[in-house]
């Protein structure tokens, strides 16, 4: 790359953002929803009957406060993002 207008100087740093890939129809969740257990990564899903289900997931890349989920949940499912230590699978929630 030429620097004919001398905008860049030796030793100067620049910030560059590269898009390496674009994922379509990716399931993205708040990183706070993804927990680690003995069997691997999991999330707590709120089923339609308001009972909690622990679901193993395959977590992908993390971007800021979000994590891509490669498998284990579908788009639109409700997840618990805080207070997981107080919730056990099968528990009936009150919203």
PDB file of N, CA and C in Angstrom:
ATOM      1  N   UNK A   1       0.847  -1.170   0.000  1.00  0.00           N
ATOM      2  CA  UNK A   1       0.000   0.000   0.000  1.00  0.00           C
ATOM      3  C   UNK A   1       0.891   1.231   0.000  1.00  0.00           C
ATOM      4  N   UNK A   2       0.657   2.104  -0.891  1.00  0.00           N
ATOM      5  CA  UNK A   2       1.434   3.330  -0.963  1.00  0.00           C
ATOM      6  C   UNK A   2       0.943   4.330   0.076  1.00  0.00           C
ATOM      7  N   UNK A   3       1.829   5.165   0.521  1.00  0.00           N
ATOM      8  CA  UNK A   3       1.517   6.194   1.499  1.00  0.00           C
ATOM      9  C   UNK A   3       1.957   7.547   0.937  1.00  0.00           C
ATOM     10  N   UNK A   4       1.537   7.828  -0.308  1.00  0.00           N
ATOM     11  CA  UNK A   4       1.985   9.037  -0.998  1.00  0.00           C
ATOM     12  C   UNK A   4       1.642  10.328  -0.264  1.00  0.00           C
ATOM     13  N   UNK A   5       0.490  10.346   0.416  1.00  0.00           N
ATOM     14  CA  UNK A   5       0.107  11.570   1.110  1.00  0.00           C
ATOM     15  C   UNK A   5       0.678  11.654   2.526  1.00  0.00           C
ATOM     16  N   UNK A   6       1.507  10.670   2.904  1.00  0.00           N
ATOM     17  CA  UNK A   6       2.208  10.609   4.188  1.00  0.00           C
ATOM     18  C   UNK A   6       1.269  10.729   5.392  1.00  0.00           C
ATOM     19  N   UNK A   7       0.122  10.072   5.280  1.00  0.00           N
ATOM     20  CA  UNK A   7      -0.825  10.051   6.396  1.00  0.00           C
ATOM     21  C   UNK A   7      -0.301   9.147   7.508  1.00  0.00           C
ATOM     22  N   UNK A   8       0.353   8.045   7.135  1.00  0.00           N
ATOM     23  CA  UNK A   8       0.903   7.108   8.114  1.00  0.00           C
ATOM     24  C   UNK A   8       2.393   7.343   8.290  1.00  0.00           C
ATOM     25  N   UNK A   9       2.828   7.258   9.543  1.00  0.00           N
ATOM     26  CA  UNK A   9       4.243   7.441   9.859  1.00  0.00           C
ATOM     27  C   UNK A   9       4.802   6.146  10.425  1.00  0.00           C
ATOM     28  N   UNK A  10       6.092   5.901  10.259  1.00  0.00           N
ATOM     29  CA  UNK A  10       6.711   4.687  10.816  1.00  0.00           C
ATOM     30  C   UNK A  10       6.480   4.607  12.324  1.00  0.00           C
ATOM     31  N   UNK A  11       6.090   3.423  12.780  1.00  0.00           N
ATOM     32  CA  UNK A  11       5.849   3.206  14.201  1.00  0.00           C
ATOM     33  C   UNK A  11       4.442   3.557  14.646  1.00  0.00           C
ATOM     34  N   UNK A  12       3.671   4.165  13.784  1.00  0.00           N
ATOM     35  CA  UNK A  12       2.289   4.526  14.123  1.00  0.00           C
ATOM     36  C   UNK A  12       1.420   3.274  14.040  1.00  0.00           C
ATOM     37  N   UNK A  13       0.449   3.190  14.920  1.00  0.00           N
ATOM     38  CA  UNK A  13      -0.461   2.040  14.897  1.00  0.00           C
ATOM     39  C   UNK A  13      -1.810   2.466  14.328  1.00  0.00           C
ATOM     40  N   UNK A  14      -2.486   1.513  13.745  1.00  0.00           N
ATOM     41  CA  UNK A  14      -3.822   1.746  13.219  1.00  0.00           C
ATOM     42  C   UNK A  14      -4.743   0.645  13.718  1.00  0.00           C
ATOM     43  N   UNK A  15      -6.015   0.968  13.830  1.00  0.00           N
ATOM     44  CA  UNK A  15      -7.002  -0.031  14.234  1.00  0.00           C
ATOM     45  C   UNK A  15      -7.716  -0.514  12.984  1.00  0.00           C
ATOM     46  N   UNK A  16      -7.730  -1.843  12.806  1.00  0.00           N
ATOM     47  CA  UNK A  16      -8.318  -2.431  11.618  1.00  0.00           C
ATOM     48  C   UNK A  16      -9.356  -3.458  12.041  1.00  0.00           C
ATOM     49  N   UNK A  17     -10.499  -3.460  11.371  1.00  0.00           N
ATOM     50  CA  UNK A  17     -11.523  -4.470  11.595  1.00  0.00           C
ATOM     51  C   UNK A  17     -11.665  -5.294  10.330  1.00  0.00           C
ATOM     52  N   UNK A  18     -11.548  -6.615  10.496  1.00  0.00           N
ATOM     53  CA  UNK A  18     -11.673  -7.531   9.368  1.00  0.00           C
ATOM     54  C   UNK A  18     -12.907  -8.398   9.534  1.00  0.00           C
ATOM     55  N   UNK A  19     -13.673  -8.558   8.505  1.00  0.00           N
ATOM     56  CA  UNK A  19     -14.774  -9.512   8.508  1.00  0.00           C
ATOM     57  C   UNK A  19     -14.265 -10.779   7.841  1.00  0.00           C
ATOM     58  N   UNK A  20     -14.096 -11.835   8.645  1.00  0.00           N
ATOM     59  CA  UNK A  20     -13.546 -13.081   8.120  1.00  0.00           C
ATOM     60  C   UNK A  20     -14.618 -13.982   7.527  1.00  0.00           C
ATOM     61  N   UNK A  21     -15.812 -13.897   8.095  1.00  0.00           N
ATOM     62  CA  UNK A  21     -16.911 -14.706   7.591  1.00  0.00           C
ATOM     63  C   UNK A  21     -18.222 -14.064   8.006  1.00  0.00           C
ATOM     64  N   UNK A  22     -19.278 -14.425   7.331  1.00  0.00           N
ATOM     65  CA  UNK A  22     -20.610 -13.968   7.693  1.00  0.00           C
ATOM     66  C   UNK A  22     -21.484 -15.195   7.874  1.00  0.00           C
ATOM     67  N   UNK A  23     -22.078 -15.318   9.036  1.00  0.00           N
ATOM     68  CA  UNK A  23     -22.958 -16.446   9.313  1.00  0.00           C
ATOM     69  C   UNK A  23     -24.393 -16.005   9.108  1.00  0.00           C
ATOM     70  N   UNK A  24     -25.167 -16.822   8.415  1.00  0.00           N
ATOM     71  CA  UNK A  24     -26.584 -16.532   8.231  1.00  0.00           C
ATOM     72  C   UNK A  24     -27.397 -17.476   9.101  1.00  0.00           C
ATOM     73  N   UNK A  25     -28.486 -16.971   9.627  1.00  0.00           N
ATOM     74  CA  UNK A  25     -29.385 -17.760  10.481  1.00  0.00           C
ATOM     75  C   UNK A  25     -28.685 -18.346  11.699  1.00  0.00           C
ATOM     76  N   UNK A  26     -27.718 -17.635  12.237  1.00  0.00           N
ATOM     77  CA  UNK A  26     -27.008 -18.089  13.433  1.00  0.00           C
ATOM     78  C   UNK A  26     -27.860 -17.819  14.666  1.00  0.00           C
ATOM     79  N   UNK A  27     -27.811 -18.739  15.619  1.00  0.00           N
ATOM     80  CA  UNK A  27     -28.482 -18.536  16.898  1.00  0.00           C
ATOM     81  C   UNK A  27     -27.467 -17.857  17.816  1.00  0.00           C
ATOM     82  N   UNK A  28     -27.802 -16.650  18.267  1.00  0.00           N
ATOM     83  CA  UNK A  28     -26.912 -15.860  19.117  1.00  0.00           C
ATOM     84  C   UNK A  28     -27.618 -15.606  20.443  1.00  0.00           C
ATOM     85  N   UNK A  29     -26.917 -15.870  21.536  1.00  0.00           N
ATOM     86  CA  UNK A  29     -27.497 -15.690  22.865  1.00  0.00           C
ATOM     87  C   UNK A  29     -26.575 -14.816  23.710  1.00  0.00           C
ATOM     88  N   UNK A  30     -27.112 -14.220  24.773  1.00  0.00           N
ATOM     89  CA  UNK A  30     -26.229 -13.505  25.691  1.00  0.00           C
ATOM     90  C   UNK A  30     -25.230 -14.496  26.307  1.00  0.00           C
ATOM     91  N   UNK A  31     -23.989 -14.115  26.372  1.00  0.00           N
ATOM     92  CA  UNK A  31     -22.961 -15.007  26.917  1.00  0.00           C
ATOM     93  C   UNK A  31     -23.268 -15.409  28.353  1.00  0.00           C
ATOM     94  N   UNK A  32     -23.997 -14.568  29.070  1.00  0.00           N
ATOM     95  CA  UNK A  32     -24.346 -14.885  30.458  1.00  0.00           C
ATOM     96  C   UNK A  32     -25.276 -16.088  30.560  1.00  0.00           C
ATOM     97  N   UNK A  33     -25.924 -16.482  29.477  1.00  0.00           N
ATOM     98  CA  UNK A  33     -26.812 -17.644  29.492  1.00  0.00           C
ATOM     99  C   UNK A  33     -26.040 -18.954  29.396  1.00  0.00           C
ATOM    100  N   UNK A  34     -24.821 -18.910  28.871  1.00  0.00           N
ATOM    101  CA  UNK A  34     -24.035 -20.126  28.650  1.00  0.00           C
ATOM    102  C   UNK A  34     -23.238 -20.446  29.905  1.00  0.00           C
ATOM    103  N   UNK A  35     -23.458 -21.644  30.433  1.00  0.00           N
ATOM    104  CA  UNK A  35     -22.786 -22.107  31.644  1.00  0.00           C
ATOM    105  C   UNK A  35     -21.892 -23.295  31.310  1.00  0.00           C
ATOM    106  N   UNK A  36     -20.926 -23.572  32.177  1.00  0.00           N
ATOM    107  CA  UNK A  36     -20.033 -24.724  31.991  1.00  0.00           C
ATOM    108  C   UNK A  36     -20.317 -25.766  33.053  1.00  0.00           C
ATOM    109  N   UNK A  37     -20.408 -27.018  32.620  1.00  0.00           N
ATOM    110  CA  UNK A  37     -20.631 -28.118  33.546  1.00  0.00           C
ATOM    111  C   UNK A  37     -19.697 -29.270  33.221  1.00  0.00           C
ATOM    112  N   UNK A  38     -19.824 -30.353  33.960  1.00  0.00           N
ATOM    113  CA  UNK A  38     -18.966 -31.519  33.740  1.00  0.00           C
ATOM    114  C   UNK A  38     -19.159 -32.111  32.356  1.00  0.00           C
ATOM    115  N   UNK A  39     -20.376 -32.036  31.819  1.00  0.00           N
ATOM    116  CA  UNK A  39     -20.669 -32.599  30.495  1.00  0.00           C
ATOM    117  C   UNK A  39     -20.401 -31.602  29.375  1.00  0.00           C
ATOM    118  N   UNK A  40     -20.046 -30.376  29.725  1.00  0.00           N
ATOM    119  CA  UNK A  40     -19.774 -29.357  28.717  1.00  0.00           C
ATOM    120  C   UNK A  40     -20.649 -28.135  28.899  1.00  0.00           C
ATOM    121  N   UNK A  41     -20.730 -27.313  27.864  1.00  0.00           N
ATOM    122  CA  UNK A  41     -21.516 -26.078  27.921  1.00  0.00           C
ATOM    123  C   UNK A  41     -23.005 -26.406  27.902  1.00  0.00           C
ATOM    124  N   UNK A  42     -23.774 -25.624  28.667  1.00  0.00           N
ATOM    125  CA  UNK A  42     -25.218 -25.817  28.695  1.00  0.00           C
ATOM    126  C   UNK A  42     -25.918 -24.489  28.918  1.00  0.00           C
ATOM    127  N   UNK A  43     -27.210 -24.462  28.632  1.00  0.00           N
ATOM    128  CA  UNK A  43     -28.066 -23.324  28.939  1.00  0.00           C
ATOM    129  C   UNK A  43     -29.288 -23.842  29.682  1.00  0.00           C
ATOM    130  N   UNK A  44     -29.937 -22.959  30.418  1.00  0.00           N
ATOM    131  CA  UNK A  44     -31.194 -23.297  31.075  1.00  0.00           C
ATOM    132  C   UNK A  44     -32.312 -22.708  30.226  1.00  0.00           C
ATOM    133  N   UNK A  45     -33.139 -23.605  29.674  1.00  0.00           N
ATOM    134  CA  UNK A  45     -34.228 -23.223  28.775  1.00  0.00           C
ATOM    135  C   UNK A  45     -35.530 -23.208  29.570  1.00  0.00           C
ATOM    136  N   UNK A  46     -36.331 -22.171  29.340  1.00  0.00           N
ATOM    137  CA  UNK A  46     -37.667 -22.103  29.942  1.00  0.00           C
ATOM    138  C   UNK A  46     -38.646 -22.679  28.926  1.00  0.00           C
ATOM    139  N   UNK A  47     -39.195 -23.844  29.254  1.00  0.00           N
ATOM    140  CA  UNK A  47     -40.139 -24.499  28.355  1.00  0.00           C
ATOM    141  C   UNK A  47     -41.482 -23.767  28.375  1.00  0.00           C
ATOM    142  N   UNK A  48     -42.360 -24.058  27.409  1.00  0.00           N
ATOM    143  CA  UNK A  48     -43.674 -23.396  27.369  1.00  0.00           C
ATOM    144  C   UNK A  48     -44.494 -23.597  28.648  1.00  0.00           C
ATOM    145  N   UNK A  49     -44.290 -24.732  29.360  1.00  0.00           N
ATOM    146  CA  UNK A  49     -45.024 -24.976  30.617  1.00  0.00           C
ATOM    147  C   UNK A  49     -44.360 -24.297  31.811  1.00  0.00           C
ATOM    148  N   UNK A  50     -43.357 -23.431  31.537  1.00  0.00           N
ATOM    149  CA  UNK A  50     -42.602 -22.665  32.536  1.00  0.00           C
ATOM    150  C   UNK A  50     -41.736 -23.528  33.447  1.00  0.00           C
ATOM    151  N   UNK A  51     -41.423 -24.731  32.996  1.00  0.00           N
ATOM    152  CA  UNK A  51     -40.454 -25.558  33.725  1.00  0.00           C
ATOM    153  C   UNK A  51     -39.081 -25.351  33.093  1.00  0.00           C
ATOM    154  N   UNK A  52     -38.043 -25.521  33.905  1.00  0.00           N
ATOM    155  CA  UNK A  52     -36.668 -25.296  33.464  1.00  0.00           C
ATOM    156  C   UNK A  52     -36.068 -26.601  32.965  1.00  0.00           C
ATOM    157  N   UNK A  53     -35.390 -26.510  31.846  1.00  0.00           N
ATOM    158  CA  UNK A  53     -34.694 -27.662  31.269  1.00  0.00           C
ATOM    159  C   UNK A  53     -33.233 -27.292  31.029  1.00  0.00           C
ATOM    160  N   UNK A  54     -32.321 -28.160  31.490  1.00  0.00           N
ATOM    161  CA  UNK A  54     -30.897 -27.966  31.206  1.00  0.00           C
ATOM    162  C   UNK A  54     -30.612 -28.593  29.849  1.00  0.00           C
ATOM    163  N   UNK A  55     -30.032 -27.816  28.946  1.00  0.00           N
ATOM    164  CA  UNK A  55     -29.798 -28.288  27.581  1.00  0.00           C
ATOM    165  C   UNK A  55     -28.328 -28.117  27.230  1.00  0.00           C
ATOM    166  N   UNK A  56     -27.679 -29.222  26.860  1.00  0.00           N
ATOM    167  CA  UNK A  56     -26.295 -29.141  26.389  1.00  0.00           C
ATOM    168  C   UNK A  56     -26.257 -28.432  25.046  1.00  0.00           C
ATOM    169  N   UNK A  57     -25.275 -27.561  24.864  1.00  0.00           N
ATOM    170  CA  UNK A  57     -25.136 -26.808  23.621  1.00  0.00           C
ATOM    171  C   UNK A  57     -23.691 -26.872  23.149  1.00  0.00           C
ATOM    172  N   UNK A  58     -23.523 -26.601  21.875  1.00  0.00           N
ATOM    173  CA  UNK A  58     -22.191 -26.426  21.311  1.00  0.00           C
ATOM    174  C   UNK A  58     -22.026 -24.933  21.080  1.00  0.00           C
ATOM    175  N   UNK A  59     -21.198 -24.328  21.903  1.00  0.00           N
ATOM    176  CA  UNK A  59     -20.992 -22.886  21.804  1.00  0.00           C
ATOM    177  C   UNK A  59     -19.904 -22.594  20.782  1.00  0.00           C
ATOM    178  N   UNK A  60     -20.142 -21.564  19.989  1.00  0.00           N
ATOM    179  CA  UNK A  60     -19.170 -21.131  18.990  1.00  0.00           C
ATOM    180  C   UNK A  60     -18.421 -19.905  19.469  1.00  0.00           C
ATOM    181  N   UNK A  61     -18.123 -19.024  18.557  1.00  0.00           N
ATOM    182  CA  UNK A  61     -17.375 -17.807  18.882  1.00  0.00           C
ATOM    183  C   UNK A  61     -18.177 -16.874  19.770  1.00  0.00           C
ATOM    184  N   UNK A  62     -17.429 -16.098  20.538  1.00  0.00           N
ATOM    185  CA  UNK A  62     -18.026 -15.088  21.403  1.00  0.00           C
ATOM    186  C   UNK A  62     -17.637 -13.714  20.877  1.00  0.00           C
ATOM    187  N   UNK A  63     -18.619 -12.828  20.783  1.00  0.00           N
ATOM    188  CA  UNK A  63     -18.398 -11.462  20.311  1.00  0.00           C
ATOM    189  C   UNK A  63     -18.977 -10.515  21.334  1.00  0.00           C
ATOM    190  N   UNK A  64     -18.113  -9.837  22.075  1.00  0.00           N
ATOM    191  CA  UNK A  64     -18.601  -8.932  23.110  1.00  0.00           C
ATOM    192  C   UNK A  64     -19.390  -9.701  24.141  1.00  0.00           C
ATOM    193  N   UNK A  65     -20.661  -9.348  24.290  1.00  0.00           N
ATOM    194  CA  UNK A  65     -21.514  -9.989  25.286  1.00  0.00           C
ATOM    195  C   UNK A  65     -22.398 -11.072  24.701  1.00  0.00           C
ATOM    196  N   UNK A  66     -22.132 -11.481  23.466  1.00  0.00           N
ATOM    197  CA  UNK A  66     -22.948 -12.488  22.790  1.00  0.00           C
ATOM    198  C   UNK A  66     -22.116 -13.698  22.402  1.00  0.00           C
ATOM    199  N   UNK A  67     -22.768 -14.865  22.370  1.00  0.00           N
ATOM    200  CA  UNK A  67     -22.133 -16.118  21.973  1.00  0.00           C
ATOM    201  C   UNK A  67     -22.977 -16.784  20.901  1.00  0.00           C
ATOM    202  N   UNK A  68     -22.323 -17.290  19.876  1.00  0.00           N
ATOM    203  CA  UNK A  68     -23.008 -18.054  18.836  1.00  0.00           C
ATOM    204  C   UNK A  68     -23.190 -19.485  19.335  1.00  0.00           C
ATOM    205  N   UNK A  69     -24.387 -20.025  19.169  1.00  0.00           N
ATOM    206  CA  UNK A  69     -24.671 -21.409  19.554  1.00  0.00           C
ATOM    207  C   UNK A  69     -24.793 -22.227  18.273  1.00  0.00           C
ATOM    208  N   UNK A  70     -23.872 -23.176  18.092  1.00  0.00           N
ATOM    209  CA  UNK A  70     -23.845 -23.991  16.878  1.00  0.00           C
ATOM    210  C   UNK A  70     -24.937 -25.066  16.897  1.00  0.00           C
ATOM    211  N   UNK A  71     -25.233 -25.608  18.080  1.00  0.00           N
ATOM    212  CA  UNK A  71     -26.286 -26.627  18.176  1.00  0.00           C
ATOM    213  C   UNK A  71     -26.766 -26.740  19.613  1.00  0.00           C
ATOM    214  N   UNK A  72     -27.995 -27.236  19.768  1.00  0.00           N
ATOM    215  CA  UNK A  72     -28.540 -27.490  21.093  1.00  0.00           C
ATOM    216  C   UNK A  72     -29.797 -26.707  21.407  1.00  0.00           C
ATOM    217  N   UNK A  73     -29.984 -25.547  20.782  1.00  0.00           N
ATOM    218  CA  UNK A  73     -31.205 -24.776  20.972  1.00  0.00           C
ATOM    219  C   UNK A  73     -31.641 -24.200  19.635  1.00  0.00           C
ATOM    220  N   UNK A  74     -32.888 -23.790  19.596  1.00  0.00           N
ATOM    221  CA  UNK A  74     -33.453 -23.179  18.398  1.00  0.00           C
ATOM    222  C   UNK A  74     -33.695 -21.698  18.651  1.00  0.00           C
ATOM    223  N   UNK A  75     -33.740 -20.929  17.589  1.00  0.00           N
ATOM    224  CA  UNK A  75     -34.051 -19.507  17.698  1.00  0.00           C
ATOM    225  C   UNK A  75     -35.423 -19.333  18.331  1.00  0.00           C
ATOM    226  N   UNK A  76     -35.545 -18.357  19.212  1.00  0.00           N
ATOM    227  CA  UNK A  76     -36.821 -18.056  19.839  1.00  0.00           C
ATOM    228  C   UNK A  76     -37.049 -18.724  21.182  1.00  0.00           C
ATOM    229  N   UNK A  77     -36.222 -19.689  21.558  1.00  0.00           N
ATOM    230  CA  UNK A  77     -36.390 -20.315  22.862  1.00  0.00           C
ATOM    231  C   UNK A  77     -35.977 -19.332  23.954  1.00  0.00           C
ATOM    232  N   UNK A  78     -36.643 -19.399  25.091  1.00  0.00           N
ATOM    233  CA  UNK A  78     -36.362 -18.500  26.201  1.00  0.00           C
ATOM    234  C   UNK A  78     -35.300 -19.120  27.104  1.00  0.00           C
ATOM    235  N   UNK A  79     -34.297 -18.300  27.459  1.00  0.00           N
ATOM    236  CA  UNK A  79     -33.193 -18.763  28.284  1.00  0.00           C
ATOM    237  C   UNK A  79     -33.101 -17.965  29.574  1.00  0.00           C
ATOM    238  N   UNK A  80     -32.521 -18.562  30.571  1.00  0.00           N
ATOM    239  CA  UNK A  80     -32.246 -17.867  31.824  1.00  0.00           C
ATOM    240  C   UNK A  80     -30.838 -17.307  31.736  1.00  0.00           C
ATOM    241  N   UNK A  81     -30.707 -16.015  31.987  1.00  0.00           N
ATOM    242  CA  UNK A  81     -29.409 -15.352  31.828  1.00  0.00           C
ATOM    243  C   UNK A  81     -28.775 -14.925  33.143  1.00  0.00           C
ATOM    244  N   UNK A  82     -29.490 -15.037  34.249  1.00  0.00           N
ATOM    245  CA  UNK A  82     -28.896 -14.711  35.547  1.00  0.00           C
ATOM    246  C   UNK A  82     -29.583 -15.527  36.636  1.00  0.00           C
ATOM    247  N   UNK A  83     -28.891 -15.708  37.751  1.00  0.00           N
ATOM    248  CA  UNK A  83     -29.457 -16.460  38.870  1.00  0.00           C
ATOM    249  C   UNK A  83     -29.489 -17.955  38.652  1.00  0.00           C
ATOM    250  N   UNK A  84     -28.672 -18.462  37.721  1.00  0.00           N
ATOM    251  CA  UNK A  84     -28.699 -19.888  37.399  1.00  0.00           C
ATOM    252  C   UNK A  84     -28.391 -20.770  38.609  1.00  0.00           C
ATOM    253  N   UNK A  85     -27.588 -20.290  39.532  1.00  0.00           N
ATOM    254  CA  UNK A  85     -27.197 -21.120  40.679  1.00  0.00           C
ATOM    255  C   UNK A  85     -28.389 -21.461  41.575  1.00  0.00           C
ATOM    256  N   UNK A  86     -29.442 -20.651  41.494  1.00  0.00           N
ATOM    257  CA  UNK A  86     -30.616 -20.873  42.333  1.00  0.00           C
ATOM    258  C   UNK A  86     -31.705 -21.676  41.640  1.00  0.00           C
ATOM    259  N   UNK A  87     -31.469 -22.091  40.409  1.00  0.00           N
ATOM    260  CA  UNK A  87     -32.500 -22.766  39.627  1.00  0.00           C
ATOM    261  C   UNK A  87     -32.063 -24.181  39.285  1.00  0.00           C
ATOM    262  N   UNK A  88     -32.952 -25.126  39.494  1.00  0.00           N
ATOM    263  CA  UNK A  88     -32.656 -26.523  39.171  1.00  0.00           C
ATOM    264  C   UNK A  88     -33.565 -26.975  38.040  1.00  0.00           C
ATOM    265  N   UNK A  89     -33.067 -27.887  37.187  1.00  0.00           N
ATOM    266  CA  UNK A  89     -33.912 -28.407  36.112  1.00  0.00           C
ATOM    267  C   UNK A  89     -35.210 -29.001  36.669  1.00  0.00           C
ATOM    268  N   UNK A  90     -36.306 -28.757  35.976  1.00  0.00           N
ATOM    269  CA  UNK A  90     -37.610 -29.251  36.383  1.00  0.00           C
ATOM    270  C   UNK A  90     -38.376 -28.270  37.253  1.00  0.00           C
ATOM    271  N   UNK A  91     -37.707 -27.246  37.749  1.00  0.00           N
ATOM    272  CA  UNK A  91     -38.360 -26.272  38.614  1.00  0.00           C
ATOM    273  C   UNK A  91     -39.406 -25.488  37.827  1.00  0.00           C
ATOM    274  N   UNK A  92     -40.561 -25.274  38.458  1.00  0.00           N
ATOM    275  CA  UNK A  92     -41.641 -24.475  37.867  1.00  0.00           C
ATOM    276  C   UNK A  92     -41.357 -23.005  38.188  1.00  0.00           C
ATOM    277  N   UNK A  93     -41.332 -22.174  37.155  1.00  0.00           N
ATOM    278  CA  UNK A  93     -41.067 -20.750  37.337  1.00  0.00           C
ATOM    279  C   UNK A  93     -42.371 -19.979  37.492  1.00  0.00           C
ATOM    280  N   UNK A  94     -42.292 -18.863  38.181  1.00  0.00           N
ATOM    281  CA  UNK A  94     -43.400 -17.922  38.282  1.00  0.00           C
ATOM    282  C   UNK A  94     -42.919 -16.624  37.660  1.00  0.00           C
ATOM    283  N   UNK A  95     -43.618 -16.198  36.616  1.00  0.00           N
ATOM    284  CA  UNK A  95     -43.211 -14.964  35.927  1.00  0.00           C
ATOM    285  C   UNK A  95     -44.229 -13.879  36.213  1.00  0.00           C
TER     286      UNK A  95
END
